[in-house]
PDB file of N, CA and C in Angstrom:
ATOM      1  N   MET A   1      56.830 -10.376  -9.982  1.00  0.00           N
ATOM      2  CA  MET A   1      55.385 -10.524  -9.997  1.00  0.00           C
ATOM      3  C   MET A   1      54.764  -9.291 -10.616  1.00  0.00           C
ATOM      4  N   ASN A   2      53.867  -9.521 -11.512  1.00  0.00           N
ATOM      5  CA  ASN A   2      53.237  -8.437 -12.250  1.00  0.00           C
ATOM      6  C   ASN A   2      51.891  -8.092 -11.603  1.00  0.00           C
ATOM      7  N   ASP A   3      51.802  -6.914 -10.963  1.00  0.00           N
ATOM      8  CA  ASP A   3      50.567  -6.482 -10.316  1.00  0.00           C
ATOM      9  C   ASP A   3      49.628  -5.846 -11.334  1.00  0.00           C
ATOM     10  N   LEU A   4      48.351  -5.972 -11.036  1.00  0.00           N
ATOM     11  CA  LEU A   4      47.353  -5.334 -11.893  1.00  0.00           C
ATOM     12  C   LEU A   4      47.432  -3.827 -11.724  1.00  0.00           C
ATOM     13  N   PRO A   5      47.337  -3.098 -12.782  1.00  0.00           N
ATOM     14  CA  PRO A   5      47.306  -1.641 -12.643  1.00  0.00           C
ATOM     15  C   PRO A   5      46.087  -1.201 -11.817  1.00  0.00           C
ATOM     16  N   LEU A   6      46.228  -0.070 -11.197  1.00  0.00           N
ATOM     17  CA  LEU A   6      45.194   0.458 -10.311  1.00  0.00           C
ATOM     18  C   LEU A   6      43.861   0.633 -11.034  1.00  0.00           C
ATOM     19  N   LEU A   7      43.895   1.051 -12.271  1.00  0.00           N
ATOM     20  CA  LEU A   7      42.662   1.245 -13.038  1.00  0.00           C
ATOM     21  C   LEU A   7      41.914  -0.075 -13.233  1.00  0.00           C
ATOM     22  N   GLU A   8      42.646  -1.155 -13.474  1.00  0.00           N
ATOM     23  CA  GLU A   8      42.011  -2.463 -13.637  1.00  0.00           C
ATOM     24  C   GLU A   8      41.396  -2.945 -12.325  1.00  0.00           C
ATOM     25  N   LEU A   9      42.050  -2.665 -11.198  1.00  0.00           N
ATOM     26  CA  LEU A   9      41.494  -3.026  -9.893  1.00  0.00           C
ATOM     27  C   LEU A   9      40.180  -2.278  -9.637  1.00  0.00           C
ATOM     28  N   PHE A  10      40.170  -1.011  -9.946  1.00  0.00           N
ATOM     29  CA  PHE A  10      38.933  -0.238  -9.793  1.00  0.00           C
ATOM     30  C   PHE A  10      37.841  -0.760 -10.714  1.00  0.00           C
ATOM     31  N   GLY A  11      38.215  -1.148 -11.910  1.00  0.00           N
ATOM     32  CA  GLY A  11      37.249  -1.720 -12.855  1.00  0.00           C
ATOM     33  C   GLY A  11      36.652  -3.011 -12.348  1.00  0.00           C
ATOM     34  N   LEU A  12      37.494  -3.874 -11.791  1.00  0.00           N
ATOM     35  CA  LEU A  12      37.003  -5.137 -11.233  1.00  0.00           C
ATOM     36  C   LEU A  12      36.109  -4.893 -10.015  1.00  0.00           C
ATOM     37  N   ALA A  13      36.488  -3.927  -9.184  1.00  0.00           N
ATOM     38  CA  ALA A  13      35.664  -3.598  -8.016  1.00  0.00           C
ATOM     39  C   ALA A  13      34.310  -3.043  -8.461  1.00  0.00           C
ATOM     40  N   ALA A  14      34.299  -2.211  -9.475  1.00  0.00           N
ATOM     41  CA  ALA A  14      33.034  -1.674  -9.980  1.00  0.00           C
ATOM     42  C   ALA A  14      32.176  -2.775 -10.588  1.00  0.00           C
ATOM     43  N   LEU A  15      32.797  -3.688 -11.301  1.00  0.00           N
ATOM     44  CA  LEU A  15      32.063  -4.808 -11.880  1.00  0.00           C
ATOM     45  C   LEU A  15      31.471  -5.689 -10.784  1.00  0.00           C
ATOM     46  N   ALA A  16      32.264  -5.987  -9.753  1.00  0.00           N
ATOM     47  CA  ALA A  16      31.763  -6.792  -8.634  1.00  0.00           C
ATOM     48  C   ALA A  16      30.613  -6.078  -7.915  1.00  0.00           C
ATOM     49  N   GLY A  17      30.742  -4.777  -7.736  1.00  0.00           N
ATOM     50  CA  GLY A  17      29.664  -4.005  -7.115  1.00  0.00           C
ATOM     51  C   GLY A  17      28.400  -4.012  -7.959  1.00  0.00           C
ATOM     52  N   GLY A  18      28.547  -3.922  -9.254  1.00  0.00           N
ATOM     53  CA  GLY A  18      27.392  -3.972 -10.155  1.00  0.00           C
ATOM     54  C   GLY A  18      26.691  -5.322 -10.122  1.00  0.00           C
ATOM     55  N   VAL A  19      27.473  -6.390 -10.077  1.00  0.00           N
ATOM     56  CA  VAL A  19      26.892  -7.739  -9.993  1.00  0.00           C
ATOM     57  C   VAL A  19      26.155  -7.898  -8.665  1.00  0.00           C
ATOM     58  N   TRP A  20      26.763  -7.426  -7.563  1.00  0.00           N
ATOM     59  CA  TRP A  20      26.100  -7.505  -6.261  1.00  0.00           C
ATOM     60  C   TRP A  20      24.780  -6.735  -6.281  1.00  0.00           C
ATOM     61  N   LEU A  21      24.798  -5.502  -6.826  1.00  0.00           N
ATOM     62  CA  LEU A  21      23.585  -4.687  -6.882  1.00  0.00           C
ATOM     63  C   LEU A  21      22.506  -5.379  -7.710  1.00  0.00           C
ATOM     64  N   TRP A  22      22.883  -5.970  -8.822  1.00  0.00           N
ATOM     65  CA  TRP A  22      21.923  -6.656  -9.677  1.00  0.00           C
ATOM     66  C   TRP A  22      21.287  -7.841  -8.951  1.00  0.00           C
ATOM     67  N   LEU A  23      22.112  -8.685  -8.318  1.00  0.00           N
ATOM     68  CA  LEU A  23      21.580  -9.851  -7.600  1.00  0.00           C
ATOM     69  C   LEU A  23      20.738  -9.436  -6.398  1.00  0.00           C
ATOM     70  N   ASP A  24      21.175  -8.416  -5.670  1.00  0.00           N
ATOM     71  CA  ASP A  24      20.426  -7.916  -4.523  1.00  0.00           C
ATOM     72  C   ASP A  24      19.095  -7.324  -4.976  1.00  0.00           C
ATOM     73  N   SER A  25      19.086  -6.652  -6.107  1.00  0.00           N
ATOM     74  CA  SER A  25      17.850  -6.069  -6.630  1.00  0.00           C
ATOM     75  C   SER A  25      16.869  -7.137  -7.099  1.00  0.00           C
ATOM     76  N   LEU A  26      17.372  -8.235  -7.648  1.00  0.00           N
ATOM     77  CA  LEU A  26      16.485  -9.335  -8.034  1.00  0.00           C
ATOM     78  C   LEU A  26      15.782  -9.916  -6.808  1.00  0.00           C
ATOM     79  N   ARG A  27      16.537 -10.090  -5.721  1.00  0.00           N
ATOM     80  CA  ARG A  27      15.943 -10.619  -4.487  1.00  0.00           C
ATOM     81  C   ARG A  27      14.909  -9.643  -3.926  1.00  0.00           C
ATOM     82  N   ALA A  28      15.240  -8.343  -3.908  1.00  0.00           N
ATOM     83  CA  ALA A  28      14.306  -7.339  -3.398  1.00  0.00           C
ATOM     84  C   ALA A  28      13.056  -7.279  -4.274  1.00  0.00           C
ATOM     85  N   ARG A  29      13.215  -7.400  -5.573  1.00  0.00           N
ATOM     86  CA  ARG A  29      12.066  -7.382  -6.485  1.00  0.00           C
ATOM     87  C   ARG A  29      11.136  -8.558  -6.206  1.00  0.00           C
ATOM     88  N   ASP A  30      11.705  -9.739  -5.959  1.00  0.00           N
ATOM     89  CA  ASP A  30      10.886 -10.901  -5.619  1.00  0.00           C
ATOM     90  C   ASP A  30      10.103 -10.670  -4.330  1.00  0.00           C
ATOM     91  N   ILE A  31      10.718 -10.023  -3.352  1.00  0.00           N
ATOM     92  CA  ILE A  31      10.030  -9.698  -2.106  1.00  0.00           C
ATOM     93  C   ILE A  31       8.910  -8.693  -2.376  1.00  0.00           C
ATOM     94  N   GLY A  32       9.163  -7.716  -3.234  1.00  0.00           N
ATOM     95  CA  GLY A  32       8.144  -6.732  -3.597  1.00  0.00           C
ATOM     96  C   GLY A  32       6.963  -7.363  -4.317  1.00  0.00           C
ATOM     97  N   ILE A  33       7.236  -8.299  -5.222  1.00  0.00           N
ATOM     98  CA  ILE A  33       6.158  -8.995  -5.936  1.00  0.00           C
ATOM     99  C   ILE A  33       5.312  -9.795  -4.954  1.00  0.00           C
ATOM    100  N   ALA A  34       5.970 -10.510  -4.043  1.00  0.00           N
ATOM    101  CA  ALA A  34       5.234 -11.322  -3.064  1.00  0.00           C
ATOM    102  C   ALA A  34       4.369 -10.432  -2.173  1.00  0.00           C
ATOM    103  N   ALA A  35       4.887  -9.273  -1.759  1.00  0.00           N
ATOM    104  CA  ALA A  35       4.114  -8.360  -0.912  1.00  0.00           C
ATOM    105  C   ALA A  35       2.921  -7.792  -1.670  1.00  0.00           C
ATOM    106  N   ALA A  36       3.122  -7.390  -2.922  1.00  0.00           N
ATOM    107  CA  ALA A  36       2.018  -6.849  -3.724  1.00  0.00           C
ATOM    108  C   ALA A  36       0.966  -7.920  -3.981  1.00  0.00           C
ATOM    109  N   ARG A  37       1.398  -9.120  -4.299  1.00  0.00           N
ATOM    110  CA  ARG A  37       0.467 -10.223  -4.542  1.00  0.00           C
ATOM    111  C   ARG A  37      -0.354 -10.531  -3.288  1.00  0.00           C
ATOM    112  N   SER A  38       0.309 -10.584  -2.151  1.00  0.00           N
ATOM    113  CA  SER A  38      -0.367 -10.872  -0.888  1.00  0.00           C
ATOM    114  C   SER A  38      -1.381  -9.788  -0.535  1.00  0.00           C
ATOM    115  N   ALA A  39      -1.006  -8.521  -0.733  1.00  0.00           N
ATOM    116  CA  ALA A  39      -1.924  -7.420  -0.435  1.00  0.00           C
ATOM    117  C   ALA A  39      -3.128  -7.450  -1.363  1.00  0.00           C
ATOM    118  N   CYS A  40      -2.901  -7.730  -2.626  1.00  0.00           N
ATOM    119  CA  CYS A  40      -4.014  -7.787  -3.577  1.00  0.00           C
ATOM    120  C   CYS A  40      -4.956  -8.939  -3.238  1.00  0.00           C
ATOM    121  N   GLU A  41      -4.409 -10.080  -2.872  1.00  0.00           N
ATOM    122  CA  GLU A  41      -5.260 -11.212  -2.492  1.00  0.00           C
ATOM    123  C   GLU A  41      -6.073 -10.891  -1.245  1.00  0.00           C
ATOM    124  N   ALA A  42      -5.456 -10.213  -0.274  1.00  0.00           N
ATOM    125  CA  ALA A  42      -6.151  -9.880   0.966  1.00  0.00           C
ATOM    126  C   ALA A  42      -7.291  -8.888   0.738  1.00  0.00           C
ATOM    127  N   GLU A  43      -7.138  -8.022  -0.260  1.00  0.00           N
ATOM    128  CA  GLU A  43      -8.152  -7.010  -0.554  1.00  0.00           C
ATOM    129  C   GLU A  43      -9.076  -7.423  -1.692  1.00  0.00           C
ATOM    130  N   ASP A  44      -8.955  -8.655  -2.157  1.00  0.00           N
ATOM    131  CA  ASP A  44      -9.750  -9.177  -3.273  1.00  0.00           C
ATOM    132  C   ASP A  44      -9.555  -8.340  -4.539  1.00  0.00           C
ATOM    133  N   LEU A  45      -8.283  -8.053  -4.830  1.00  0.00           N
ATOM    134  CA  LEU A  45      -7.905  -7.295  -6.015  1.00  0.00           C
ATOM    135  C   LEU A  45      -7.083  -8.195  -6.925  1.00  0.00           C
ATOM    136  N   GLN A  46      -6.984  -7.804  -8.181  1.00  0.00           N
ATOM    137  CA  GLN A  46      -6.201  -8.573  -9.147  1.00  0.00           C
ATOM    138  C   GLN A  46      -4.900  -7.828  -9.438  1.00  0.00           C
ATOM    139  N   LEU A  47      -3.759  -8.469  -9.153  1.00  0.00           N
ATOM    140  CA  LEU A  47      -2.454  -7.898  -9.474  1.00  0.00           C
ATOM    141  C   LEU A  47      -2.238  -8.053 -10.974  1.00  0.00           C
ATOM    142  N   LEU A  48      -2.144  -6.946 -11.670  1.00  0.00           N
ATOM    143  CA  LEU A  48      -2.000  -6.984 -13.127  1.00  0.00           C
ATOM    144  C   LEU A  48      -0.537  -7.186 -13.513  1.00  0.00           C
ATOM    145  N   ASP A  49      -0.304  -7.907 -14.557  1.00  0.00           N
ATOM    146  CA  ASP A  49       1.019  -8.205 -15.105  1.00  0.00           C
ATOM    147  C   ASP A  49       1.877  -9.033 -14.153  1.00  0.00           C
ATOM    148  N   ASP A  50       1.390  -9.327 -12.965  1.00  0.00           N
ATOM    149  CA  ASP A  50       2.059 -10.167 -11.975  1.00  0.00           C
ATOM    150  C   ASP A  50       3.504  -9.740 -11.726  1.00  0.00           C
ATOM    151  N   THR A  51       3.751  -8.430 -11.685  1.00  0.00           N
ATOM    152  CA  THR A  51       5.103  -7.940 -11.463  1.00  0.00           C
ATOM    153  C   THR A  51       5.084  -6.543 -10.868  1.00  0.00           C
ATOM    154  N   VAL A  52       6.260  -6.088 -10.441  1.00  0.00           N
ATOM    155  CA  VAL A  52       6.455  -4.727  -9.959  1.00  0.00           C
ATOM    156  C   VAL A  52       7.576  -4.106 -10.790  1.00  0.00           C
ATOM    157  N   ALA A  53       7.608  -2.780 -10.811  1.00  0.00           N
ATOM    158  CA  ALA A  53       8.651  -2.065 -11.550  1.00  0.00           C
ATOM    159  C   ALA A  53       9.332  -1.088 -10.603  1.00  0.00           C
ATOM    160  N   ILE A  54      10.648  -0.985 -10.717  1.00  0.00           N
ATOM    161  CA  ILE A  54      11.384  -0.079  -9.839  1.00  0.00           C
ATOM    162  C   ILE A  54      11.029   1.360 -10.187  1.00  0.00           C
ATOM    163  N   GLY A  55      10.692   2.122  -9.166  1.00  0.00           N
ATOM    164  CA  GLY A  55      10.351   3.524  -9.368  1.00  0.00           C
ATOM    165  C   GLY A  55      11.406   4.448  -8.794  1.00  0.00           C
ATOM    166  N   ASN A  56      12.087   3.995  -7.718  1.00  0.00           N
ATOM    167  CA  ASN A  56      13.064   4.833  -7.062  1.00  0.00           C
ATOM    168  C   ASN A  56      14.052   3.939  -6.316  1.00  0.00           C
ATOM    169  N   LEU A  57      15.292   4.358  -6.287  1.00  0.00           N
ATOM    170  CA  LEU A  57      16.347   3.633  -5.582  1.00  0.00           C
ATOM    171  C   LEU A  57      17.268   4.674  -4.978  1.00  0.00           C
ATOM    172  N   ARG A  58      17.400   4.624  -3.633  1.00  0.00           N
ATOM    173  CA  ARG A  58      18.278   5.591  -2.979  1.00  0.00           C
ATOM    174  C   ARG A  58      18.748   5.024  -1.649  1.00  0.00           C
ATOM    175  N   PRO A  59      19.857   5.536  -1.141  1.00  0.00           N
ATOM    176  CA  PRO A  59      20.312   5.088   0.175  1.00  0.00           C
ATOM    177  C   PRO A  59      19.448   5.704   1.269  1.00  0.00           C
ATOM    178  N   ALA A  60      19.249   4.941   2.353  1.00  0.00           N
ATOM    179  CA  ALA A  60      18.498   5.428   3.512  1.00  0.00           C
ATOM    180  C   ALA A  60      18.970   4.658   4.730  1.00  0.00           C
ATOM    181  N   ARG A  61      18.705   5.214   5.900  1.00  0.00           N
ATOM    182  CA  ARG A  61      19.108   4.562   7.145  1.00  0.00           C
ATOM    183  C   ARG A  61      17.912   3.898   7.810  1.00  0.00           C
ATOM    184  N   ASP A  62      18.158   2.742   8.423  1.00  0.00           N
ATOM    185  CA  ASP A  62      17.099   2.064   9.163  1.00  0.00           C
ATOM    186  C   ASP A  62      17.068   2.585  10.606  1.00  0.00           C
ATOM    187  N   GLU A  63      16.267   1.948  11.471  1.00  0.00           N
ATOM    188  CA  GLU A  63      16.111   2.392  12.851  1.00  0.00           C
ATOM    189  C   GLU A  63      17.410   2.321  13.638  1.00  0.00           C
ATOM    190  N   ASP A  64      18.291   1.403  13.248  1.00  0.00           N
ATOM    191  CA  ASP A  64      19.569   1.236  13.937  1.00  0.00           C
ATOM    192  C   ASP A  64      20.670   2.115  13.352  1.00  0.00           C
ATOM    193  N   GLY A  65      20.350   2.910  12.352  1.00  0.00           N
ATOM    194  CA  GLY A  65      21.331   3.794  11.742  1.00  0.00           C
ATOM    195  C   GLY A  65      22.159   3.165  10.641  1.00  0.00           C
ATOM    196  N   ARG A  66      21.845   1.912  10.265  1.00  0.00           N
ATOM    197  CA  ARG A  66      22.591   1.254   9.181  1.00  0.00           C
ATOM    198  C   ARG A  66      22.162   1.816   7.835  1.00  0.00           C
ATOM    199  N   LEU A  67      23.111   1.981   6.953  1.00  0.00           N
ATOM    200  CA  LEU A  67      22.837   2.479   5.609  1.00  0.00           C
ATOM    201  C   LEU A  67      22.398   1.318   4.721  1.00  0.00           C
ATOM    202  N   LEU A  68      21.184   1.419   4.180  1.00  0.00           N
ATOM    203  CA  LEU A  68      20.611   0.387   3.320  1.00  0.00           C
ATOM    204  C   LEU A  68      20.077   1.037   2.054  1.00  0.00           C
ATOM    205  N   LEU A  69      19.665   0.215   1.112  1.00  0.00           N
ATOM    206  CA  LEU A  69      19.023   0.724  -0.090  1.00  0.00           C
ATOM    207  C   LEU A  69      17.511   0.764   0.129  1.00  0.00           C
ATOM    208  N   ARG A  70      16.907   1.895  -0.182  1.00  0.00           N
ATOM    209  CA  ARG A  70      15.458   2.053  -0.109  1.00  0.00           C
ATOM    210  C   ARG A  70      14.935   2.002  -1.534  1.00  0.00           C
ATOM    211  N   ARG A  71      14.122   0.994  -1.804  1.00  0.00           N
ATOM    212  CA  ARG A  71      13.584   0.806  -3.153  1.00  0.00           C
ATOM    213  C   ARG A  71      12.080   1.021  -3.138  1.00  0.00           C
ATOM    214  N   THR A  72      11.601   1.773  -4.093  1.00  0.00           N
ATOM    215  CA  THR A  72      10.163   1.947  -4.275  1.00  0.00           C
ATOM    216  C   THR A  72       9.781   1.253  -5.570  1.00  0.00           C
ATOM    217  N   TYR A  73       8.887   0.281  -5.449  1.00  0.00           N
ATOM    218  CA  TYR A  73       8.386  -0.444  -6.611  1.00  0.00           C
ATOM    219  C   TYR A  73       6.940  -0.032  -6.847  1.00  0.00           C
ATOM    220  N   THR A  74       6.570   0.096  -8.099  1.00  0.00           N
ATOM    221  CA  THR A  74       5.191   0.393  -8.451  1.00  0.00           C
ATOM    222  C   THR A  74       4.589  -0.837  -9.128  1.00  0.00           C
ATOM    223  N   PHE A  75       3.289  -0.946  -9.014  1.00  0.00           N
ATOM    224  CA  PHE A  75       2.578  -2.037  -9.664  1.00  0.00           C
ATOM    225  C   PHE A  75       1.175  -1.561  -9.995  1.00  0.00           C
ATOM    226  N   GLU A  76       0.498  -2.335 -10.818  1.00  0.00           N
ATOM    227  CA  GLU A  76      -0.878  -2.012 -11.177  1.00  0.00           C
ATOM    228  C   GLU A  76      -1.783  -3.157 -10.751  1.00  0.00           C
ATOM    229  N   TYR A  77      -2.970  -2.786 -10.324  1.00  0.00           N
ATOM    230  CA  TYR A  77      -3.954  -3.766  -9.901  1.00  0.00           C
ATOM    231  C   TYR A  77      -5.316  -3.311 -10.415  1.00  0.00           C
ATOM    232  N   SER A  78      -6.273  -4.221 -10.346  1.00  0.00           N
ATOM    233  CA  SER A  78      -7.634  -3.907 -10.782  1.00  0.00           C
ATOM    234  C   SER A  78      -8.597  -4.339  -9.695  1.00  0.00           C
ATOM    235  N   ASP A  79      -9.604  -3.502  -9.459  1.00  0.00           N
ATOM    236  CA  ASP A  79     -10.634  -3.874  -8.493  1.00  0.00           C
ATOM    237  C   ASP A  79     -11.900  -4.353  -9.185  1.00  0.00           C
ATOM    238  N   THR A  80     -12.029  -4.069 -10.471  1.00  0.00           N
ATOM    239  CA  THR A  80     -13.223  -4.487 -11.209  1.00  0.00           C
ATOM    240  C   THR A  80     -12.901  -5.460 -12.335  1.00  0.00           C
ATOM    241  N   GLY A  81     -11.647  -5.560 -12.718  1.00  0.00           N
ATOM    242  CA  GLY A  81     -11.255  -6.430 -13.815  1.00  0.00           C
ATOM    243  C   GLY A  81     -11.150  -5.707 -15.144  1.00  0.00           C
ATOM    244  N   ASP A  82     -11.637  -4.474 -15.214  1.00  0.00           N
ATOM    245  CA  ASP A  82     -11.552  -3.737 -16.483  1.00  0.00           C
ATOM    246  C   ASP A  82     -10.948  -2.340 -16.292  1.00  0.00           C
ATOM    247  N   ASN A  83     -10.194  -2.153 -15.232  1.00  0.00           N
ATOM    248  CA  ASN A  83      -9.518  -0.880 -15.013  1.00  0.00           C
ATOM    249  C   ASN A  83      -8.120  -1.143 -14.465  1.00  0.00           C
ATOM    250  N   ARG A  84      -7.315  -0.101 -14.432  1.00  0.00           N
ATOM    251  CA  ARG A  84      -5.958  -0.193 -13.885  1.00  0.00           C
ATOM    252  C   ARG A  84      -5.794   0.888 -12.832  1.00  0.00           C
ATOM    253  N   ARG A  85      -5.325   0.484 -11.673  1.00  0.00           N
ATOM    254  CA  ARG A  85      -5.022   1.409 -10.592  1.00  0.00           C
ATOM    255  C   ARG A  85      -3.566   1.194 -10.191  1.00  0.00           C
ATOM    256  N   SER A  86      -2.960   2.232  -9.660  1.00  0.00           N
ATOM    257  CA  SER A  86      -1.550   2.164  -9.279  1.00  0.00           C
ATOM    258  C   SER A  86      -1.389   1.892  -7.793  1.00  0.00           C
ATOM    259  N   GLY A  87      -0.413   1.080  -7.476  1.00  0.00           N
ATOM    260  CA  GLY A  87      -0.021   0.802  -6.106  1.00  0.00           C
ATOM    261  C   GLY A  87       1.484   0.871  -6.001  1.00  0.00           C
ATOM    262  N   SER A  88       1.978   0.811  -4.767  1.00  0.00           N
ATOM    263  CA  SER A  88       3.420   0.840  -4.578  1.00  0.00           C
ATOM    264  C   SER A  88       3.798   0.056  -3.331  1.00  0.00           C
ATOM    265  N   VAL A  89       5.035  -0.396  -3.316  1.00  0.00           N
ATOM    266  CA  VAL A  89       5.600  -1.073  -2.163  1.00  0.00           C
ATOM    267  C   VAL A  89       7.004  -0.516  -1.960  1.00  0.00           C
ATOM    268  N   ILE A  90       7.314  -0.156  -0.715  1.00  0.00           N
ATOM    269  CA  ILE A  90       8.626   0.408  -0.387  1.00  0.00           C
ATOM    270  C   ILE A  90       9.368  -0.591   0.489  1.00  0.00           C
ATOM    271  N   LEU A  91      10.586  -0.897   0.079  1.00  0.00           N
ATOM    272  CA  LEU A  91      11.447  -1.802   0.839  1.00  0.00           C
ATOM    273  C   LEU A  91      12.654  -1.031   1.346  1.00  0.00           C
ATOM    274  N   LEU A  92      13.026  -1.291   2.577  1.00  0.00           N
ATOM    275  CA  LEU A  92      14.267  -0.781   3.130  1.00  0.00           C
ATOM    276  C   LEU A  92      15.146  -2.001   3.360  1.00  0.00           C
ATOM    277  N   GLY A  93      16.151  -2.137   2.533  1.00  0.00           N
ATOM    278  CA  GLY A  93      16.904  -3.385   2.501  1.00  0.00           C
ATOM    279  C   GLY A  93      16.023  -4.444   1.875  1.00  0.00           C
ATOM    280  N   HIS A  94      15.715  -5.494   2.629  1.00  0.00           N
ATOM    281  CA  HIS A  94      14.803  -6.534   2.137  1.00  0.00           C
ATOM    282  C   HIS A  94      13.551  -6.604   2.989  1.00  0.00           C
ATOM    283  N   ARG A  95      13.239  -5.511   3.694  1.00  0.00           N
ATOM    284  CA  ARG A  95      12.071  -5.478   4.566  1.00  0.00           C
ATOM    285  C   ARG A  95      11.049  -4.498   4.008  1.00  0.00           C
ATOM    286  N   VAL A  96       9.799  -4.949   3.906  1.00  0.00           N
ATOM    287  CA  VAL A  96       8.718  -4.084   3.431  1.00  0.00           C
ATOM    288  C   VAL A  96       8.382  -3.092   4.537  1.00  0.00           C
ATOM    289  N   VAL A  97       8.457  -1.799   4.226  1.00  0.00           N
ATOM    290  CA  VAL A  97       8.129  -0.779   5.223  1.00  0.00           C
ATOM    291  C   VAL A  97       6.823  -0.062   4.914  1.00  0.00           C
ATOM    292  N   LEU A  98       6.367  -0.114   3.666  1.00  0.00           N
ATOM    293  CA  LEU A  98       5.106   0.532   3.300  1.00  0.00           C
ATOM    294  C   LEU A  98       4.535  -0.146   2.063  1.00  0.00           C
ATOM    295  N   LEU A  99       3.247  -0.408   2.113  1.00  0.00           N
ATOM    296  CA  LEU A  99       2.569  -1.000   0.969  1.00  0.00           C
ATOM    297  C   LEU A  99       1.294  -0.213   0.736  1.00  0.00           C
ATOM    298  N   ASN A 100       1.098   0.250  -0.482  1.00  0.00           N
ATOM    299  CA  ASN A 100      -0.047   1.092  -0.805  1.00  0.00           C
ATOM    300  C   ASN A 100      -0.790   0.496  -1.991  1.00  0.00           C
ATOM    301  N   VAL A 101      -2.056   0.172  -1.789  1.00  0.00           N
ATOM    302  CA  VAL A 101      -2.875  -0.292  -2.901  1.00  0.00           C
ATOM    303  C   VAL A 101      -3.863   0.787  -3.315  1.00  0.00           C
ATOM    304  N   GLY A 102      -3.592   2.018  -2.930  1.00  0.00           N
ATOM    305  CA  GLY A 102      -4.387   3.155  -3.377  1.00  0.00           C
ATOM    306  C   GLY A 102      -5.736   3.235  -2.713  1.00  0.00           C
ATOM    307  N   LEU A 103      -6.426   4.283  -3.070  1.00  0.00           N
ATOM    308  CA  LEU A 103      -7.762   4.515  -2.538  1.00  0.00           C
ATOM    309  C   LEU A 103      -8.796   4.036  -3.535  1.00  0.00           C
ATOM    310  N   ARG A 104      -9.778   3.383  -3.019  1.00  0.00           N
ATOM    311  CA  ARG A 104     -10.884   2.984  -3.880  1.00  0.00           C
ATOM    312  C   ARG A 104     -11.900   4.109  -3.905  1.00  0.00           C
ATOM    313  N   PRO A 105     -12.458   4.393  -5.070  1.00  0.00           N
ATOM    314  CA  PRO A 105     -13.455   5.462  -5.118  1.00  0.00           C
ATOM    315  C   PRO A 105     -14.721   5.050  -4.370  1.00  0.00           C
ATOM    316  N   ALA A 106     -15.273   6.007  -3.659  1.00  0.00           N
ATOM    317  CA  ALA A 106     -16.522   5.753  -2.945  1.00  0.00           C
ATOM    318  C   ALA A 106     -17.666   5.764  -3.942  1.00  0.00           C
ATOM    319  N   PRO A 107     -18.718   5.002  -3.686  1.00  0.00           N
ATOM    320  CA  PRO A 107     -19.856   5.030  -4.595  1.00  0.00           C
ATOM    321  C   PRO A 107     -20.482   6.419  -4.618  1.00  0.00           C
ATOM    322  N   VAL A 108     -20.868   6.836  -5.781  1.00  0.00           N
ATOM    323  CA  VAL A 108     -21.474   8.156  -5.944  1.00  0.00           C
ATOM    324  C   VAL A 108     -22.955   8.051  -5.594  1.00  0.00           C
ATOM    325  N   PRO A 109     -23.415   8.876  -4.629  1.00  0.00           N
ATOM    326  CA  PRO A 109     -24.839   8.804  -4.286  1.00  0.00           C
ATOM    327  C   PRO A 109     -25.701   9.341  -5.421  1.00  0.00           C
ATOM    328  N   VAL A 110     -26.842   8.760  -5.572  1.00  0.00           N
ATOM    329  CA  VAL A 110     -27.786   9.197  -6.601  1.00  0.00           C
ATOM    330  C   VAL A 110     -28.807  10.117  -5.960  1.00  0.00           C
ATOM    331  N   TYR A 111     -28.874  11.330  -6.457  1.00  0.00           N
ATOM    332  CA  TYR A 111     -29.833  12.299  -5.937  1.00  0.00           C
ATOM    333  C   TYR A 111     -30.967  12.436  -6.946  1.00  0.00           C
ATOM    334  N   ARG A 112     -32.184  12.369  -6.478  1.00  0.00           N
ATOM    335  CA  ARG A 112     -33.342  12.517  -7.345  1.00  0.00           C
ATOM    336  C   ARG A 112     -34.118  13.736  -6.900  1.00  0.00           C
ATOM    337  N   THR A 113     -34.530  14.475  -7.864  1.00  0.00           N
ATOM    338  CA  THR A 113     -35.351  15.642  -7.538  1.00  0.00           C
ATOM    339  C   THR A 113     -36.814  15.241  -7.544  1.00  0.00           C
ATOM    340  N   LEU A 114     -37.544  15.843  -6.679  1.00  0.00           N
ATOM    341  CA  LEU A 114     -38.977  15.570  -6.608  1.00  0.00           C
ATOM    342  C   LEU A 114     -39.718  16.701  -7.288  1.00  0.00           C
ATOM    343  N   HIS A 115     -40.219  16.501  -8.496  1.00  0.00           N
ATOM    344  CA  HIS A 115     -41.009  17.497  -9.225  1.00  0.00           C
ATOM    345  C   HIS A 115     -42.346  16.883  -9.549  1.00  0.00           C
TER     346      HIS A 115
END
């Protein structure tokens, strides 16, 4: 029986790991898009480009000490329809742990001088 060389086994394991990461990231991205869309609808904002982009990917532990992937996705939204503001959504595994639609600027008071 002809066994696969060790290098080929490592190559197949790396390929399988890459495929798993890609499929897992697609699922997490869909969760991030749904969370951003829901937050924008709740705040009467427009989610621009209808997507999120990966900003950061790193290992992190959850409350139970399990090692998961922590993904930070960024997105853009508009509150007036003619501007772009940045937001972000952080997932730990496939659970949303933080969603930020940024700060809205406060209206600038108008001061009038009496002369």
